[in-house]
Protein backbone atom coordinates (compact mmCIF):
# COMPACT_ATOMS: atom_id res chain seq x y z
CA UNK A 1 76.18 99.75 -187.70
CA UNK A 2 73.73 100.07 -190.84
CA UNK A 3 71.69 103.15 -190.90
CA UNK A 4 68.38 100.76 -190.70
CA UNK A 5 69.76 99.38 -187.34
CA UNK A 6 70.28 102.71 -185.85
CA UNK A 7 66.71 103.93 -187.06
CA UNK A 8 65.45 100.67 -185.14
CA UNK A 9 67.19 101.52 -182.15
CA UNK A 10 65.41 105.02 -181.77
CA UNK A 11 62.16 103.69 -183.57
CA UNK A 12 59.97 102.66 -180.44
CA UNK A 13 60.66 105.81 -178.76
CA UNK A 14 60.10 108.01 -181.70
CA UNK A 15 56.96 106.14 -182.63
CA UNK A 16 55.63 106.11 -179.46
CA UNK A 17 55.58 109.91 -178.88
CA UNK A 18 54.40 110.29 -182.39
CA UNK A 19 51.21 107.85 -181.24
CA UNK A 20 50.61 109.68 -177.98
CA UNK A 21 50.30 113.03 -179.97
CA UNK A 22 48.39 111.16 -182.65
CA UNK A 23 46.00 109.76 -180.23
CA UNK A 24 45.41 113.13 -178.28
CA UNK A 25 44.76 114.93 -181.58
CA UNK A 26 42.00 112.15 -182.69
CA UNK A 27 40.20 112.93 -179.31
CA UNK A 28 40.38 116.58 -180.03
CA UNK A 29 39.00 116.23 -183.48
CA UNK A 30 36.08 113.92 -182.29
CA UNK A 31 35.29 116.23 -179.31
CA UNK A 32 35.19 118.96 -182.54
CA UNK A 33 32.83 117.06 -184.48
CA UNK A 34 30.72 116.31 -181.51
CA UNK A 35 30.50 119.87 -180.51
CA UNK A 36 29.76 120.95 -184.14
CA UNK A 37 27.28 118.45 -184.58
CA UNK A 38 25.45 118.95 -181.26
CA UNK A 39 25.26 122.89 -182.14
CA UNK A 40 23.96 122.22 -185.63
CA UNK A 41 21.46 119.73 -184.42
CA UNK A 42 20.25 122.38 -181.72
CA UNK A 43 20.17 125.00 -184.34
CA UNK A 44 17.95 123.26 -186.69
CA UNK A 45 15.54 122.06 -183.81
CA UNK A 46 16.25 118.20 -183.88
CA UNK A 47 17.68 118.62 -180.16
CA UNK A 48 15.41 120.82 -178.04
CA UNK A 49 17.94 123.17 -176.38
CA UNK A 50 18.31 126.93 -176.17
CA UNK A 51 20.43 128.37 -178.96
CA UNK A 52 22.76 130.15 -176.01
CA UNK A 53 23.04 126.77 -174.02
CA UNK A 54 23.77 124.69 -177.12
CA UNK A 55 26.49 127.35 -177.87
CA UNK A 56 27.84 127.10 -174.27
CA UNK A 57 28.00 123.28 -174.47
CA UNK A 58 29.75 123.41 -177.90
CA UNK A 59 32.42 125.97 -176.70
CA UNK A 60 32.89 124.08 -173.76
CA UNK A 61 33.41 120.94 -175.71
CA UNK A 62 35.95 122.71 -177.97
CA UNK A 63 37.75 124.36 -175.05
CA UNK A 64 38.22 120.65 -173.90
CA UNK A 65 39.57 119.55 -177.17
CA UNK A 66 42.00 122.59 -177.23
CA UNK A 67 43.27 121.90 -173.55
CA UNK A 68 43.94 118.10 -174.73
CA UNK A 69 45.77 119.23 -177.70
CA UNK A 70 47.86 121.92 -175.73
CA UNK A 71 48.64 119.18 -173.12
CA UNK A 72 49.46 116.80 -175.48
CA UNK A 73 51.82 118.96 -177.41
CA UNK A 74 53.60 120.25 -174.15
CA UNK A 75 54.24 116.45 -173.35
CA UNK A 76 55.33 115.53 -177.13
CA UNK A 77 58.00 118.32 -177.32
CA UNK A 78 60.03 117.16 -174.40
CA UNK A 79 59.62 113.40 -175.56
CA UNK A 80 60.91 114.26 -178.86
CA UNK A 81 63.84 116.45 -177.60
CA UNK A 82 65.00 113.83 -175.37
CA UNK A 83 64.91 111.28 -178.29
CA UNK A 84 66.75 113.93 -180.58
CA UNK A 85 69.22 114.56 -177.81
CA UNK A 86 70.07 110.91 -177.46
CA UNK A 87 70.46 110.49 -181.10
CA UNK A 88 72.73 113.44 -181.31
CA UNK A 89 74.85 111.93 -178.40
CA UNK A 90 75.03 108.66 -180.08
CA UNK A 91 78.00 108.47 -182.47
CA UNK A 92 76.07 105.64 -184.38
CA UNK A 93 73.18 107.59 -185.11
CA UNK A 94 73.52 109.37 -188.49
CA UNK A 95 72.86 113.17 -189.12
CA UNK A 96 70.23 112.20 -191.65
CA UNK A 97 68.21 110.39 -189.01
CA UNK A 98 68.63 113.52 -186.53
CA UNK A 99 67.29 115.77 -189.39
CA UNK A 100 64.35 113.25 -189.93
CA UNK A 101 63.47 113.52 -186.27
CA UNK A 102 63.72 117.70 -186.35
CA UNK A 103 61.69 117.94 -189.30
CA UNK A 104 59.07 115.63 -188.00
CA UNK A 105 59.21 117.42 -184.66
CA UNK A 106 58.70 120.89 -186.41
CA UNK A 107 56.01 119.54 -188.75
CA UNK A 108 53.91 118.08 -185.55
CA UNK A 109 54.37 121.19 -183.63
CA UNK A 110 53.13 123.50 -186.48
CA UNK A 111 50.44 121.34 -187.55
CA UNK A 112 49.09 120.93 -184.13
CA UNK A 113 49.46 124.41 -183.47
CA UNK A 114 47.21 125.09 -186.80
CA UNK A 115 44.67 122.68 -185.40
CA UNK A 116 44.49 124.43 -182.21
CA UNK A 117 44.04 127.50 -184.08
CA UNK A 118 41.01 126.36 -186.07
CA UNK A 119 39.26 124.78 -183.06
CA UNK A 120 39.57 127.96 -181.41
CA UNK A 121 38.37 129.87 -184.57
CA UNK A 122 35.41 127.47 -184.70
CA UNK A 123 34.50 128.53 -181.01
CA UNK A 124 34.83 132.06 -181.88
CA UNK A 125 32.44 131.74 -184.77
CA UNK A 126 29.89 129.63 -182.67
CA UNK A 127 30.18 132.40 -179.94
CA UNK A 128 29.73 135.01 -182.71
CA UNK A 129 26.22 133.52 -183.86
CA UNK A 130 24.72 134.39 -180.28
């Protein structure tokens, strides 16, 4: 079996896990953008809201976004580990494919973790303006 055929055998499962993580990350970034825009509009007076209420709403939205990211990461890791385990057990799955899955898993874990840290930092900075 050629390498391309093996890649195809795991492609659907692999990209499904990737797509799910990406979708939740997109939602989290949308929430981040909404929170920051709302807070800014409240601060400049375009939206009539008390500064503390605006900060509370923005931080709450950011908290929701962070929770989406944490849950999506907690679901992504077992999914991708199952795919990696199946690939390792399959004699037709080349080591290069296993390494690609492992590298992608690590990159996604760290990039998602960094995104969570950035969102928490923004929430702290909003809180610190009160």
